[in-house]
Amino acid sequence: MLLRQIQYFQAVVEHKSFTEAADACHISQSAISQQIKALE
């Protein structure tokens, strides 16, 4: 799971937006937020 969380984090950095990163990763914005929070 850690690798996926890092990939989501990278997507947020690249897109500079949680919403755009979530769209690019084909998951919801709340799901990507939860994964980033779990990574912390």
PDB file of N, CA and C in Angstrom:
ATOM      1  N   MET A   1       0.826  -1.195   0.000  1.00  0.00           N
ATOM      2  CA  MET A   1       0.000   0.000   0.000  1.00  0.00           C
ATOM      3  C   MET A   1       0.868   1.256   0.000  1.00  0.00           C
ATOM      4  N   LEU A   2       2.032   1.204   0.588  1.00  0.00           N
ATOM      5  CA  LEU A   2       2.892   2.378   0.673  1.00  0.00           C
ATOM      6  C   LEU A   2       3.275   2.886  -0.714  1.00  0.00           C
ATOM      7  N   LEU A   3       3.567   1.996  -1.640  1.00  0.00           N
ATOM      8  CA  LEU A   3       3.932   2.409  -2.996  1.00  0.00           C
ATOM      9  C   LEU A   3       2.782   3.172  -3.653  1.00  0.00           C
ATOM     10  N   ARG A   4       1.578   2.684  -3.488  1.00  0.00           N
ATOM     11  CA  ARG A   4       0.408   3.361  -4.066  1.00  0.00           C
ATOM     12  C   ARG A   4       0.238   4.748  -3.444  1.00  0.00           C
ATOM     13  N   GLN A   5       0.435   4.856  -2.146  1.00  0.00           N
ATOM     14  CA  GLN A   5       0.313   6.152  -1.479  1.00  0.00           C
ATOM     15  C   GLN A   5       1.353   7.135  -2.010  1.00  0.00           C
ATOM     16  N   ILE A   6       2.555   6.655  -2.248  1.00  0.00           N
ATOM     17  CA  ILE A   6       3.606   7.508  -2.800  1.00  0.00           C
ATOM     18  C   ILE A   6       3.256   7.931  -4.222  1.00  0.00           C
ATOM     19  N   GLN A   7       2.665   7.031  -4.995  1.00  0.00           N
ATOM     20  CA  GLN A   7       2.242   7.376  -6.354  1.00  0.00           C
ATOM     21  C   GLN A   7       1.157   8.450  -6.316  1.00  0.00           C
ATOM     22  N   TYR A   8       0.232   8.344  -5.381  1.00  0.00           N
ATOM     23  CA  TYR A   8      -0.812   9.356  -5.248  1.00  0.00           C
ATOM     24  C   TYR A   8      -0.204  10.698  -4.842  1.00  0.00           C
ATOM     25  N   PHE A   9       0.744  10.661  -3.924  1.00  0.00           N
ATOM     26  CA  PHE A   9       1.424  11.885  -3.501  1.00  0.00           C
ATOM     27  C   PHE A   9       2.136  12.534  -4.684  1.00  0.00           C
ATOM     28  N   GLN A  10       2.809  11.720  -5.481  1.00  0.00           N
ATOM     29  CA  GLN A  10       3.502  12.224  -6.662  1.00  0.00           C
ATOM     30  C   GLN A  10       2.513  12.866  -7.637  1.00  0.00           C
ATOM     31  N   ALA A  11       1.355  12.258  -7.796  1.00  0.00           N
ATOM     32  CA  ALA A  11       0.335  12.813  -8.689  1.00  0.00           C
ATOM     33  C   ALA A  11      -0.145  14.171  -8.186  1.00  0.00           C
ATOM     34  N   VAL A  12      -0.317  14.309  -6.885  1.00  0.00           N
ATOM     35  CA  VAL A  12      -0.745  15.593  -6.316  1.00  0.00           C
ATOM     36  C   VAL A  12       0.324  16.657  -6.571  1.00  0.00           C
ATOM     37  N   VAL A  13       1.581  16.292  -6.390  1.00  0.00           N
ATOM     38  CA  VAL A  13       2.670  17.242  -6.637  1.00  0.00           C
ATOM     39  C   VAL A  13       2.695  17.652  -8.107  1.00  0.00           C
ATOM     40  N   GLU A  14       2.569  16.684  -8.994  1.00  0.00           N
ATOM     41  CA  GLU A  14       2.622  16.973 -10.433  1.00  0.00           C
ATOM     42  C   GLU A  14       1.451  17.840 -10.893  1.00  0.00           C
ATOM     43  N   HIS A  15       0.262  17.536 -10.400  1.00  0.00           N
ATOM     44  CA  HIS A  15      -0.934  18.249 -10.851  1.00  0.00           C
ATOM     45  C   HIS A  15      -1.224  19.504 -10.031  1.00  0.00           C
ATOM     46  N   LYS A  16      -0.568  19.619  -8.874  1.00  0.00           N
ATOM     47  CA  LYS A  16      -0.763  20.765  -7.977  1.00  0.00           C
ATOM     48  C   LYS A  16      -2.219  20.930  -7.564  1.00  0.00           C
ATOM     49  N   SER A  17      -2.931  19.804  -7.519  1.00  0.00           N
ATOM     50  CA  SER A  17      -4.345  19.825  -7.159  1.00  0.00           C
ATOM     51  C   SER A  17      -4.774  18.416  -6.766  1.00  0.00           C
ATOM     52  N   PHE A  18      -5.441  18.311  -5.637  1.00  0.00           N
ATOM     53  CA  PHE A  18      -5.947  17.006  -5.223  1.00  0.00           C
ATOM     54  C   PHE A  18      -7.000  16.501  -6.203  1.00  0.00           C
ATOM     55  N   THR A  19      -7.855  17.396  -6.662  1.00  0.00           N
ATOM     56  CA  THR A  19      -8.936  16.994  -7.562  1.00  0.00           C
ATOM     57  C   THR A  19      -8.394  16.495  -8.896  1.00  0.00           C
ATOM     58  N   GLU A  20      -7.459  17.233  -9.485  1.00  0.00           N
ATOM     59  CA  GLU A  20      -6.880  16.809 -10.764  1.00  0.00           C
ATOM     60  C   GLU A  20      -6.067  15.529 -10.606  1.00  0.00           C
ATOM     61  N   ALA A  21      -5.353  15.395  -9.501  1.00  0.00           N
ATOM     62  CA  ALA A  21      -4.590  14.176  -9.251  1.00  0.00           C
ATOM     63  C   ALA A  21      -5.529  12.981  -9.096  1.00  0.00           C
ATOM     64  N   ALA A  22      -6.626  13.183  -8.401  1.00  0.00           N
ATOM     65  CA  ALA A  22      -7.605  12.106  -8.228  1.00  0.00           C
ATOM     66  C   ALA A  22      -8.186  11.687  -9.571  1.00  0.00           C
ATOM     67  N   ASP A  23      -8.501  12.656 -10.418  1.00  0.00           N
ATOM     68  CA  ASP A  23      -9.008  12.336 -11.759  1.00  0.00           C
ATOM     69  C   ASP A  23      -7.973  11.542 -12.546  1.00  0.00           C
ATOM     70  N   ALA A  24      -6.719  11.946 -12.472  1.00  0.00           N
ATOM     71  CA  ALA A  24      -5.657  11.258 -13.205  1.00  0.00           C
ATOM     72  C   ALA A  24      -5.444   9.834 -12.692  1.00  0.00           C
ATOM     73  N   CYS A  25      -5.667   9.629 -11.394  1.00  0.00           N
ATOM     74  CA  CYS A  25      -5.482   8.300 -10.788  1.00  0.00           C
ATOM     75  C   CYS A  25      -6.760   7.463 -10.815  1.00  0.00           C
ATOM     76  N   HIS A  26      -7.848   8.048 -11.321  1.00  0.00           N
ATOM     77  CA  HIS A  26      -9.140   7.362 -11.427  1.00  0.00           C
ATOM     78  C   HIS A  26      -9.693   6.935 -10.069  1.00  0.00           C
ATOM     79  N   ILE A  27      -9.535   7.837  -9.080  1.00  0.00           N
ATOM     80  CA  ILE A  27     -10.130   7.617  -7.763  1.00  0.00           C
ATOM     81  C   ILE A  27     -10.801   8.920  -7.338  1.00  0.00           C
ATOM     82  N   SER A  28     -11.565   8.867  -6.264  1.00  0.00           N
ATOM     83  CA  SER A  28     -12.249  10.077  -5.799  1.00  0.00           C
ATOM     84  C   SER A  28     -11.262  10.994  -5.069  1.00  0.00           C
ATOM     85  N   GLN A  29     -11.643  12.254  -4.972  1.00  0.00           N
ATOM     86  CA  GLN A  29     -10.798  13.225  -4.282  1.00  0.00           C
ATOM     87  C   GLN A  29     -10.670  12.878  -2.805  1.00  0.00           C
ATOM     88  N   SER A  30     -11.753  12.404  -2.209  1.00  0.00           N
ATOM     89  CA  SER A  30     -11.689  12.041  -0.785  1.00  0.00           C
ATOM     90  C   SER A  30     -10.783  10.832  -0.567  1.00  0.00           C
ATOM     91  N   ALA A  31     -10.782   9.901  -1.515  1.00  0.00           N
ATOM     92  CA  ALA A  31      -9.917   8.723  -1.387  1.00  0.00           C
ATOM     93  C   ALA A  31      -8.445   9.113  -1.466  1.00  0.00           C
ATOM     94  N   ILE A  32      -8.121  10.016  -2.377  1.00  0.00           N
ATOM     95  CA  ILE A  32      -6.718  10.427  -2.484  1.00  0.00           C
ATOM     96  C   ILE A  32      -6.300  11.213  -1.245  1.00  0.00           C
ATOM     97  N   SER A  33      -7.200  12.012  -0.700  1.00  0.00           N
ATOM     98  CA  SER A  33      -6.908  12.746   0.532  1.00  0.00           C
ATOM     99  C   SER A  33      -6.644  11.790   1.691  1.00  0.00           C
ATOM    100  N   GLN A  34      -7.445  10.749   1.796  1.00  0.00           N
ATOM    101  CA  GLN A  34      -7.266   9.754   2.858  1.00  0.00           C
ATOM    102  C   GLN A  34      -5.931   9.031   2.714  1.00  0.00           C
ATOM    103  N   GLN A  35      -5.544   8.715   1.493  1.00  0.00           N
ATOM    104  CA  GLN A  35      -4.277   8.017   1.269  1.00  0.00           C
ATOM    105  C   GLN A  35      -3.085   8.910   1.607  1.00  0.00           C
ATOM    106  N   ILE A  36      -3.178  10.189   1.280  1.00  0.00           N
ATOM    107  CA  ILE A  36      -2.105  11.124   1.628  1.00  0.00           C
ATOM    108  C   ILE A  36      -2.032  11.274   3.147  1.00  0.00           C
ATOM    109  N   LYS A  37      -3.176  11.351   3.799  1.00  0.00           N
ATOM    110  CA  LYS A  37      -3.204  11.456   5.260  1.00  0.00           C
ATOM    111  C   LYS A  37      -2.583  10.216   5.900  1.00  0.00           C
ATOM    112  N   ALA A  38      -2.869   9.044   5.353  1.00  0.00           N
ATOM    113  CA  ALA A  38      -2.300   7.799   5.881  1.00  0.00           C
ATOM    114  C   ALA A  38      -0.789   7.762   5.685  1.00  0.00           C
ATOM    115  N   LEU A  39      -0.319   8.397   4.630  1.00  0.00           N
ATOM    116  CA  LEU A  39       1.117   8.442   4.354  1.00  0.00           C
ATOM    117  C   LEU A  39       1.854   9.276   5.397  1.00  0.00           C
ATOM    118  N   GLU A  40       1.186  10.315   5.907  1.00  0.00           N
ATOM    119  CA  GLU A  40       1.796  11.176   6.928  1.00  0.00           C
ATOM    120  C   GLU A  40       2.051  10.361   8.171  1.00  0.00           C
TER     121      GLU A  40
END
